[in-house]
Amino acid sequence: MTDIIWSEWLDYNSDQISKIPEESGVYMMHAAMKILYIGNATNLKQTISESLNHPCIKEAKRFKYSLTSNHKQVGDQILKEYQEKHNNNLPKCME
């Protein structure tokens, strides 16, 4: 798989979310040293902004993203790799 070029970890707030491009890509939500959610979207800015209202994901403190046109395939691969490293478990907000 192609190496993914991630953004830095950014604070999970509306100010940082407003800077995300409206492009397709993948993202991870993080809190307390754990990945809460791994997702993909056709519009990262819109999807991550909407996640501020999700009961579990809103607990996130930081997020990072990567722009990619094949976001679905890349997102599935990231999730598969996560599960391989964590005894086939999903991130907390995906259980």
PDB file of N, CA and C in Angstrom:
ATOM      1  N   MET A   1       0.834  -1.191   0.000  1.00  0.00           N
ATOM      2  CA  MET A   1       0.000   0.000   0.000  1.00  0.00           C
ATOM      3  C   MET A   1       0.876   1.251   0.000  1.00  0.00           C
ATOM      4  N   THR A   2       0.410   2.268  -0.658  1.00  0.00           N
ATOM      5  CA  THR A   2       1.129   3.533  -0.714  1.00  0.00           C
ATOM      6  C   THR A   2       1.207   4.147   0.672  1.00  0.00           C
ATOM      7  N   ASP A   3       2.342   4.756   0.976  1.00  0.00           N
ATOM      8  CA  ASP A   3       2.455   5.444   2.256  1.00  0.00           C
ATOM      9  C   ASP A   3       1.481   6.616   2.303  1.00  0.00           C
ATOM     10  N   ILE A   4       0.858   6.783   3.436  1.00  0.00           N
ATOM     11  CA  ILE A   4      -0.111   7.851   3.621  1.00  0.00           C
ATOM     12  C   ILE A   4       0.610   9.049   4.217  1.00  0.00           C
ATOM     13  N   ILE A   5       0.355  10.206   3.663  1.00  0.00           N
ATOM     14  CA  ILE A   5       0.928  11.432   4.206  1.00  0.00           C
ATOM     15  C   ILE A   5      -0.147  12.106   5.053  1.00  0.00           C
ATOM     16  N   TRP A   6       0.032  12.028   6.360  1.00  0.00           N
ATOM     17  CA  TRP A   6      -0.944  12.564   7.303  1.00  0.00           C
ATOM     18  C   TRP A   6      -0.645  14.017   7.627  1.00  0.00           C
ATOM     19  N   SER A   7      -1.682  14.742   7.989  1.00  0.00           N
ATOM     20  CA  SER A   7      -1.511  16.073   8.581  1.00  0.00           C
ATOM     21  C   SER A   7      -0.904  15.861   9.966  1.00  0.00           C
ATOM     22  N   GLU A   8      -0.538  16.951  10.609  1.00  0.00           N
ATOM     23  CA  GLU A   8      -0.168  16.858  12.023  1.00  0.00           C
ATOM     24  C   GLU A   8      -1.434  16.531  12.812  1.00  0.00           C
ATOM     25  N   TRP A   9      -1.264  16.072  14.065  1.00  0.00           N
ATOM     26  CA  TRP A   9      -2.432  15.944  14.939  1.00  0.00           C
ATOM     27  C   TRP A   9      -2.916  17.349  15.233  1.00  0.00           C
ATOM     28  N   LEU A  10      -4.189  17.597  15.031  1.00  0.00           N
ATOM     29  CA  LEU A  10      -4.790  18.918  15.236  1.00  0.00           C
ATOM     30  C   LEU A  10      -5.804  18.845  16.370  1.00  0.00           C
ATOM     31  N   ASP A  11      -5.960  19.941  17.098  1.00  0.00           N
ATOM     32  CA  ASP A  11      -6.975  19.993  18.151  1.00  0.00           C
ATOM     33  C   ASP A  11      -8.352  19.842  17.522  1.00  0.00           C
ATOM     34  N   TYR A  12      -9.184  19.055  18.170  1.00  0.00           N
ATOM     35  CA  TYR A  12     -10.535  18.780  17.656  1.00  0.00           C
ATOM     36  C   TYR A  12     -11.470  19.888  18.111  1.00  0.00           C
ATOM     37  N   ASN A  13     -11.500  20.962  17.338  1.00  0.00           N
ATOM     38  CA  ASN A  13     -12.386  22.083  17.633  1.00  0.00           C
ATOM     39  C   ASN A  13     -12.790  22.745  16.314  1.00  0.00           C
ATOM     40  N   SER A  14     -13.808  23.584  16.385  1.00  0.00           N
ATOM     41  CA  SER A  14     -14.339  24.176  15.154  1.00  0.00           C
ATOM     42  C   SER A  14     -13.325  25.074  14.449  1.00  0.00           C
ATOM     43  N   ASP A  15     -12.411  25.679  15.183  1.00  0.00           N
ATOM     44  CA  ASP A  15     -11.390  26.524  14.560  1.00  0.00           C
ATOM     45  C   ASP A  15     -10.476  25.699  13.654  1.00  0.00           C
ATOM     46  N   GLN A  16     -10.002  24.562  14.154  1.00  0.00           N
ATOM     47  CA  GLN A  16      -9.128  23.698  13.351  1.00  0.00           C
ATOM     48  C   GLN A  16      -9.906  23.038  12.217  1.00  0.00           C
ATOM     49  N   ILE A  17     -11.128  22.624  12.491  1.00  0.00           N
ATOM     50  CA  ILE A  17     -11.947  21.974  11.467  1.00  0.00           C
ATOM     51  C   ILE A  17     -12.210  22.927  10.307  1.00  0.00           C
ATOM     52  N   SER A  18     -12.348  24.216  10.597  1.00  0.00           N
ATOM     53  CA  SER A  18     -12.626  25.189   9.534  1.00  0.00           C
ATOM     54  C   SER A  18     -11.487  25.279   8.520  1.00  0.00           C
ATOM     55  N   LYS A  19     -10.296  24.814   8.882  1.00  0.00           N
ATOM     56  CA  LYS A  19      -9.132  24.883   7.994  1.00  0.00           C
ATOM     57  C   LYS A  19      -8.969  23.652   7.103  1.00  0.00           C
ATOM     58  N   ILE A  20      -9.786  22.627   7.330  1.00  0.00           N
ATOM     59  CA  ILE A  20      -9.678  21.390   6.550  1.00  0.00           C
ATOM     60  C   ILE A  20     -10.200  21.631   5.137  1.00  0.00           C
ATOM     61  N   PRO A  21      -9.522  21.101   4.140  1.00  0.00           N
ATOM     62  CA  PRO A  21     -10.040  21.255   2.769  1.00  0.00           C
ATOM     63  C   PRO A  21     -11.323  20.446   2.552  1.00  0.00           C
ATOM     64  N   GLU A  22     -12.138  20.923   1.634  1.00  0.00           N
ATOM     65  CA  GLU A  22     -13.363  20.211   1.268  1.00  0.00           C
ATOM     66  C   GLU A  22     -13.029  19.228   0.157  1.00  0.00           C
ATOM     67  N   GLU A  23     -12.202  18.253   0.496  1.00  0.00           N
ATOM     68  CA  GLU A  23     -11.757  17.238  -0.458  1.00  0.00           C
ATOM     69  C   GLU A  23     -11.930  15.865   0.167  1.00  0.00           C
ATOM     70  N   SER A  24     -11.777  14.833  -0.651  1.00  0.00           N
ATOM     71  CA  SER A  24     -11.923  13.464  -0.138  1.00  0.00           C
ATOM     72  C   SER A  24     -10.649  13.037   0.579  1.00  0.00           C
ATOM     73  N   GLY A  25     -10.833  12.128   1.539  1.00  0.00           N
ATOM     74  CA  GLY A  25      -9.687  11.636   2.283  1.00  0.00           C
ATOM     75  C   GLY A  25     -10.088  10.717   3.423  1.00  0.00           C
ATOM     76  N   VAL A  26      -9.115  10.448   4.271  1.00  0.00           N
ATOM     77  CA  VAL A  26      -9.303   9.593   5.438  1.00  0.00           C
ATOM     78  C   VAL A  26      -8.928  10.393   6.686  1.00  0.00           C
ATOM     79  N   TYR A  27      -9.432   9.942   7.840  1.00  0.00           N
ATOM     80  CA  TYR A  27      -9.128  10.665   9.077  1.00  0.00           C
ATOM     81  C   TYR A  27      -9.178   9.724  10.278  1.00  0.00           C
ATOM     82  N   MET A  28      -8.528  10.159  11.352  1.00  0.00           N
ATOM     83  CA  MET A  28      -8.546   9.440  12.626  1.00  0.00           C
ATOM     84  C   MET A  28      -8.864  10.426  13.734  1.00  0.00           C
ATOM     85  N   MET A  29      -9.664   9.966  14.698  1.00  0.00           N
ATOM     86  CA  MET A  29     -10.000  10.754  15.879  1.00  0.00           C
ATOM     87  C   MET A  29      -9.310  10.097  17.069  1.00  0.00           C
ATOM     88  N   HIS A  30      -8.776  10.903  18.001  1.00  0.00           N
ATOM     89  CA  HIS A  30      -7.916  10.407  19.059  1.00  0.00           C
ATOM     90  C   HIS A  30      -8.268  11.060  20.399  1.00  0.00           C
ATOM     91  N   ALA A  31      -8.202  10.284  21.473  1.00  0.00           N
ATOM     92  CA  ALA A  31      -8.350  10.815  22.832  1.00  0.00           C
ATOM     93  C   ALA A  31      -7.693   9.854  23.806  1.00  0.00           C
ATOM     94  N   ALA A  32      -7.066  10.390  24.822  1.00  0.00           N
ATOM     95  CA  ALA A  32      -6.480   9.580  25.903  1.00  0.00           C
ATOM     96  C   ALA A  32      -5.615   8.443  25.370  1.00  0.00           C
ATOM     97  N   MET A  33      -4.745   8.766  24.432  1.00  0.00           N
ATOM     98  CA  MET A  33      -3.787   7.804  23.874  1.00  0.00           C
ATOM     99  C   MET A  33      -4.452   6.648  23.124  1.00  0.00           C
ATOM    100  N   LYS A  34      -5.682   6.838  22.664  1.00  0.00           N
ATOM    101  CA  LYS A  34      -6.384   5.798  21.923  1.00  0.00           C
ATOM    102  C   LYS A  34      -7.064   6.385  20.685  1.00  0.00           C
ATOM    103  N   ILE A  35      -7.068   5.601  19.623  1.00  0.00           N
ATOM    104  CA  ILE A  35      -7.811   5.977  18.432  1.00  0.00           C
ATOM    105  C   ILE A  35      -9.287   5.676  18.696  1.00  0.00           C
ATOM    106  N   LEU A  36     -10.139   6.674  18.546  1.00  0.00           N
ATOM    107  CA  LEU A  36     -11.570   6.498  18.771  1.00  0.00           C
ATOM    108  C   LEU A  36     -12.303   6.115  17.493  1.00  0.00           C
ATOM    109  N   TYR A  37     -11.823   6.641  16.363  1.00  0.00           N
ATOM    110  CA  TYR A  37     -12.556   6.442  15.125  1.00  0.00           C
ATOM    111  C   TYR A  37     -11.617   6.574  13.932  1.00  0.00           C
ATOM    112  N   ILE A  38     -11.824   5.751  12.933  1.00  0.00           N
ATOM    113  CA  ILE A  38     -11.121   5.827  11.659  1.00  0.00           C
ATOM    114  C   ILE A  38     -12.191   5.956  10.594  1.00  0.00           C
ATOM    115  N   GLY A  39     -12.127   7.005   9.800  1.00  0.00           N
ATOM    116  CA  GLY A  39     -13.168   7.213   8.809  1.00  0.00           C
ATOM    117  C   GLY A  39     -12.631   7.675   7.473  1.00  0.00           C
ATOM    118  N   ASN A  40     -13.527   7.729   6.514  1.00  0.00           N
ATOM    119  CA  ASN A  40     -13.199   8.259   5.198  1.00  0.00           C
ATOM    120  C   ASN A  40     -14.391   9.074   4.723  1.00  0.00           C
ATOM    121  N   ALA A  41     -14.130  10.024   3.844  1.00  0.00           N
ATOM    122  CA  ALA A  41     -15.198  10.927   3.421  1.00  0.00           C
ATOM    123  C   ALA A  41     -14.910  11.523   2.055  1.00  0.00           C
ATOM    124  N   THR A  42     -15.967  11.863   1.340  1.00  0.00           N
ATOM    125  CA  THR A  42     -15.790  12.584   0.080  1.00  0.00           C
ATOM    126  C   THR A  42     -15.540  14.064   0.354  1.00  0.00           C
ATOM    127  N   ASN A  43     -15.993  14.560   1.519  1.00  0.00           N
ATOM    128  CA  ASN A  43     -15.753  15.936   1.926  1.00  0.00           C
ATOM    129  C   ASN A  43     -15.304  15.912   3.392  1.00  0.00           C
ATOM    130  N   LEU A  44     -13.986  15.921   3.605  1.00  0.00           N
ATOM    131  CA  LEU A  44     -13.445  15.813   4.966  1.00  0.00           C
ATOM    132  C   LEU A  44     -13.967  16.906   5.892  1.00  0.00           C
ATOM    133  N   LYS A  45     -13.960  18.134   5.423  1.00  0.00           N
ATOM    134  CA  LYS A  45     -14.383  19.255   6.262  1.00  0.00           C
ATOM    135  C   LYS A  45     -15.807  19.050   6.766  1.00  0.00           C
ATOM    136  N   GLN A  46     -16.717  18.710   5.875  1.00  0.00           N
ATOM    137  CA  GLN A  46     -18.119  18.521   6.251  1.00  0.00           C
ATOM    138  C   GLN A  46     -18.279  17.335   7.207  1.00  0.00           C
ATOM    139  N   THR A  47     -17.661  16.209   6.884  1.00  0.00           N
ATOM    140  CA  THR A  47     -17.818  15.006   7.707  1.00  0.00           C
ATOM    141  C   THR A  47     -17.240  15.187   9.105  1.00  0.00           C
ATOM    142  N   ILE A  48     -16.044  15.758   9.203  1.00  0.00           N
ATOM    143  CA  ILE A  48     -15.431  15.946  10.518  1.00  0.00           C
ATOM    144  C   ILE A  48     -16.208  16.988  11.314  1.00  0.00           C
ATOM    145  N   SER A  49     -16.706  18.015  10.657  1.00  0.00           N
ATOM    146  CA  SER A  49     -17.526  19.022  11.334  1.00  0.00           C
ATOM    147  C   SER A  49     -18.790  18.390  11.899  1.00  0.00           C
ATOM    148  N   GLU A  50     -19.449  17.544  11.125  1.00  0.00           N
ATOM    149  CA  GLU A  50     -20.673  16.884  11.592  1.00  0.00           C
ATOM    150  C   GLU A  50     -20.402  15.938  12.763  1.00  0.00           C
ATOM    151  N   SER A  51     -19.181  15.406  12.841  1.00  0.00           N
ATOM    152  CA  SER A  51     -18.866  14.460  13.915  1.00  0.00           C
ATOM    153  C   SER A  51     -18.793  15.132  15.283  1.00  0.00           C
ATOM    154  N   LEU A  52     -18.756  16.462  15.337  1.00  0.00           N
ATOM    155  CA  LEU A  52     -18.776  17.173  16.622  1.00  0.00           C
ATOM    156  C   LEU A  52     -20.047  16.858  17.418  1.00  0.00           C
ATOM    157  N   ASN A  53     -21.093  16.402  16.731  1.00  0.00           N
ATOM    158  CA  ASN A  53     -22.361  16.077  17.386  1.00  0.00           C
ATOM    159  C   ASN A  53     -22.510  14.593  17.710  1.00  0.00           C
ATOM    160  N   HIS A  54     -21.559  13.767  17.297  1.00  0.00           N
ATOM    161  CA  HIS A  54     -21.647  12.320  17.547  1.00  0.00           C
ATOM    162  C   HIS A  54     -21.362  12.048  19.027  1.00  0.00           C
ATOM    163  N   PRO A  55     -22.195  11.274  19.708  1.00  0.00           N
ATOM    164  CA  PRO A  55     -22.036  11.051  21.148  1.00  0.00           C
ATOM    165  C   PRO A  55     -20.656  10.514  21.561  1.00  0.00           C
ATOM    166  N   CYS A  56     -20.081   9.640  20.788  1.00  0.00           N
ATOM    167  CA  CYS A  56     -18.780   9.072  21.154  1.00  0.00           C
ATOM    168  C   CYS A  56     -17.624   9.885  20.570  1.00  0.00           C
ATOM    169  N   ILE A  57     -17.713  10.210  19.296  1.00  0.00           N
ATOM    170  CA  ILE A  57     -16.607  10.891  18.626  1.00  0.00           C
ATOM    171  C   ILE A  57     -16.344  12.271  19.220  1.00  0.00           C
ATOM    172  N   LYS A  58     -17.378  12.924  19.741  1.00  0.00           N
ATOM    173  CA  LYS A  58     -17.174  14.267  20.295  1.00  0.00           C
ATOM    174  C   LYS A  58     -16.245  14.257  21.511  1.00  0.00           C
ATOM    175  N   GLU A  59     -15.933  13.069  22.042  1.00  0.00           N
ATOM    176  CA  GLU A  59     -14.964  12.944  23.135  1.00  0.00           C
ATOM    177  C   GLU A  59     -13.522  13.119  22.639  1.00  0.00           C
ATOM    178  N   ALA A  60     -13.328  13.096  21.336  1.00  0.00           N
ATOM    179  CA  ALA A  60     -11.982  13.200  20.769  1.00  0.00           C
ATOM    180  C   ALA A  60     -11.331  14.517  21.169  1.00  0.00           C
ATOM    181  N   LYS A  61     -10.028  14.482  21.330  1.00  0.00           N
ATOM    182  CA  LYS A  61      -9.246  15.680  21.638  1.00  0.00           C
ATOM    183  C   LYS A  61      -8.475  16.165  20.419  1.00  0.00           C
ATOM    184  N   ARG A  62      -8.083  15.218  19.553  1.00  0.00           N
ATOM    185  CA  ARG A  62      -7.294  15.566  18.375  1.00  0.00           C
ATOM    186  C   ARG A  62      -7.724  14.713  17.190  1.00  0.00           C
ATOM    187  N   PHE A  63      -7.344  15.175  16.000  1.00  0.00           N
ATOM    188  CA  PHE A  63      -7.601  14.413  14.790  1.00  0.00           C
ATOM    189  C   PHE A  63      -6.487  14.677  13.794  1.00  0.00           C
ATOM    190  N   LYS A  64      -6.364  13.766  12.838  1.00  0.00           N
ATOM    191  CA  LYS A  64      -5.454  13.984  11.718  1.00  0.00           C
ATOM    192  C   LYS A  64      -6.146  13.467  10.475  1.00  0.00           C
ATOM    193  N   TYR A  65      -5.691  13.944   9.320  1.00  0.00           N
ATOM    194  CA  TYR A  65      -6.326  13.535   8.077  1.00  0.00           C
ATOM    195  C   TYR A  65      -5.292  13.436   6.970  1.00  0.00           C
ATOM    196  N   SER A  66      -5.704  12.771   5.913  1.00  0.00           N
ATOM    197  CA  SER A  66      -4.887  12.640   4.721  1.00  0.00           C
ATOM    198  C   SER A  66      -5.806  12.743   3.512  1.00  0.00           C
ATOM    199  N   LEU A  67      -5.405  13.554   2.536  1.00  0.00           N
ATOM    200  CA  LEU A  67      -6.198  13.700   1.316  1.00  0.00           C
ATOM    201  C   LEU A  67      -5.889  12.549   0.370  1.00  0.00           C
ATOM    202  N   THR A  68      -6.924  11.936  -0.169  1.00  0.00           N
ATOM    203  CA  THR A  68      -6.756  10.863  -1.147  1.00  0.00           C
ATOM    204  C   THR A  68      -8.046  10.705  -1.940  1.00  0.00           C
ATOM    205  N   SER A  69      -7.911  10.479  -3.228  1.00  0.00           N
ATOM    206  CA  SER A  69      -9.102  10.321  -4.060  1.00  0.00           C
ATOM    207  C   SER A  69      -9.753   8.947  -3.852  1.00  0.00           C
ATOM    208  N   ASN A  70      -8.956   7.945  -3.485  1.00  0.00           N
ATOM    209  CA  ASN A  70      -9.514   6.603  -3.244  1.00  0.00           C
ATOM    210  C   ASN A  70      -9.711   6.384  -1.738  1.00  0.00           C
ATOM    211  N   HIS A  71     -10.450   7.327  -1.123  1.00  0.00           N
ATOM    212  CA  HIS A  71     -10.625   7.346   0.327  1.00  0.00           C
ATOM    213  C   HIS A  71     -11.264   6.087   0.881  1.00  0.00           C
ATOM    214  N   LYS A  72     -12.191   5.477   0.167  1.00  0.00           N
ATOM    215  CA  LYS A  72     -12.866   4.272   0.669  1.00  0.00           C
ATOM    216  C   LYS A  72     -11.857   3.119   0.805  1.00  0.00           C
ATOM    217  N   GLN A  73     -11.082   2.891  -0.237  1.00  0.00           N
ATOM    218  CA  GLN A  73     -10.092   1.810  -0.219  1.00  0.00           C
ATOM    219  C   GLN A  73      -9.024   2.066   0.849  1.00  0.00           C
ATOM    220  N   VAL A  74      -8.514   3.277   0.910  1.00  0.00           N
ATOM    221  CA  VAL A  74      -7.476   3.612   1.894  1.00  0.00           C
ATOM    222  C   VAL A  74      -8.040   3.494   3.309  1.00  0.00           C
ATOM    223  N   GLY A  75      -9.271   3.982   3.528  1.00  0.00           N
ATOM    224  CA  GLY A  75      -9.894   3.877   4.845  1.00  0.00           C
ATOM    225  C   GLY A  75     -10.060   2.431   5.287  1.00  0.00           C
ATOM    226  N   ASP A  76     -10.494   1.579   4.363  1.00  0.00           N
ATOM    227  CA  ASP A  76     -10.642   0.156   4.682  1.00  0.00           C
ATOM    228  C   ASP A  76      -9.299  -0.461   5.049  1.00  0.00           C
ATOM    229  N   GLN A  77      -8.245  -0.086   4.335  1.00  0.00           N
ATOM    230  CA  GLN A  77      -6.906  -0.629   4.609  1.00  0.00           C
ATOM    231  C   GLN A  77      -6.390  -0.170   5.974  1.00  0.00           C
ATOM    232  N   ILE A  78      -6.595   1.097   6.309  1.00  0.00           N
ATOM    233  CA  ILE A  78      -6.159   1.610   7.618  1.00  0.00           C
ATOM    234  C   ILE A  78      -6.889   0.876   8.733  1.00  0.00           C
ATOM    235  N   LEU A  79      -8.185   0.672   8.569  1.00  0.00           N
ATOM    236  CA  LEU A  79      -8.972  -0.028   9.581  1.00  0.00           C
ATOM    237  C   LEU A  79      -8.502  -1.473   9.726  1.00  0.00           C
ATOM    238  N   LYS A  80      -8.224  -2.130   8.614  1.00  0.00           N
ATOM    239  CA  LYS A  80      -7.725  -3.508   8.645  1.00  0.00           C
ATOM    240  C   LYS A  80      -6.393  -3.576   9.396  1.00  0.00           C
ATOM    241  N   GLU A  81      -5.484  -2.644   9.109  1.00  0.00           N
ATOM    242  CA  GLU A  81      -4.194  -2.619   9.790  1.00  0.00           C
ATOM    243  C   GLU A  81      -4.369  -2.355  11.286  1.00  0.00           C
ATOM    244  N   TYR A  82      -5.295  -1.481  11.647  1.00  0.00           N
ATOM    245  CA  TYR A  82      -5.581  -1.204  13.052  1.00  0.00           C
ATOM    246  C   TYR A  82      -6.030  -2.489  13.746  1.00  0.00           C
ATOM    247  N   GLN A  83      -6.974  -3.184  13.122  1.00  0.00           N
ATOM    248  CA  GLN A  83      -7.505  -4.404  13.726  1.00  0.00           C
ATOM    249  C   GLN A  83      -6.422  -5.476  13.877  1.00  0.00           C
ATOM    250  N   GLU A  84      -5.526  -5.590  12.904  1.00  0.00           N
ATOM    251  CA  GLU A  84      -4.445  -6.569  12.987  1.00  0.00           C
ATOM    252  C   GLU A  84      -3.544  -6.286  14.184  1.00  0.00           C
ATOM    253  N   LYS A  85      -3.371  -5.036  14.537  1.00  0.00           N
ATOM    254  CA  LYS A  85      -2.516  -4.646  15.665  1.00  0.00           C
ATOM    255  C   LYS A  85      -3.243  -4.705  17.003  1.00  0.00           C
ATOM    256  N   HIS A  86      -4.570  -4.802  16.988  1.00  0.00           N
ATOM    257  CA  HIS A  86      -5.357  -4.730  18.220  1.00  0.00           C
ATOM    258  C   HIS A  86      -6.301  -5.934  18.375  1.00  0.00           C
ATOM    259  N   ASN A  87      -5.791  -7.122  18.117  1.00  0.00           N
ATOM    260  CA  ASN A  87      -6.552  -8.365  18.313  1.00  0.00           C
ATOM    261  C   ASN A  87      -7.921  -8.344  17.658  1.00  0.00           C
ATOM    262  N   ASN A  88      -7.987  -7.808  16.451  1.00  0.00           N
ATOM    263  CA  ASN A  88      -9.203  -7.758  15.644  1.00  0.00           C
ATOM    264  C   ASN A  88     -10.288  -6.849  16.230  1.00  0.00           C
ATOM    265  N   ASN A  89      -9.924  -6.005  17.223  1.00  0.00           N
ATOM    266  CA  ASN A  89     -10.876  -5.062  17.804  1.00  0.00           C
ATOM    267  C   ASN A  89     -10.990  -3.810  16.944  1.00  0.00           C
ATOM    268  N   LEU A  90     -12.139  -3.173  16.997  1.00  0.00           N
ATOM    269  CA  LEU A  90     -12.364  -1.905  16.322  1.00  0.00           C
ATOM    270  C   LEU A  90     -12.055  -0.746  17.288  1.00  0.00           C
ATOM    271  N   PRO A  91     -11.792   0.448  16.754  1.00  0.00           N
ATOM    272  CA  PRO A  91     -11.670   1.612  17.642  1.00  0.00           C
ATOM    273  C   PRO A  91     -12.957   1.805  18.455  1.00  0.00           C
ATOM    274  N   LYS A  92     -12.839   2.421  19.622  1.00  0.00           N
ATOM    275  CA  LYS A  92     -13.935   2.547  20.588  1.00  0.00           C
ATOM    276  C   LYS A  92     -15.250   3.019  19.966  1.00  0.00           C
ATOM    277  N   CYS A  93     -15.226   4.045  19.143  1.00  0.00           N
ATOM    278  CA  CYS A  93     -16.460   4.608  18.591  1.00  0.00           C
ATOM    279  C   CYS A  93     -16.970   3.869  17.365  1.00  0.00           C
ATOM    280  N   MET A  94     -16.353   2.749  17.043  1.00  0.00           N
ATOM    281  CA  MET A  94     -16.786   1.962  15.890  1.00  0.00           C
ATOM    282  C   MET A  94     -17.308   0.591  16.308  1.00  0.00           C
ATOM    283  N   GLU A  95     -17.316   0.321  17.604  1.00  0.00           N
ATOM    284  CA  GLU A  95     -17.750  -0.998  18.104  1.00  0.00           C
ATOM    285  C   GLU A  95     -19.247  -1.166  17.962  1.00  0.00           C
TER     286      GLU A  95
END
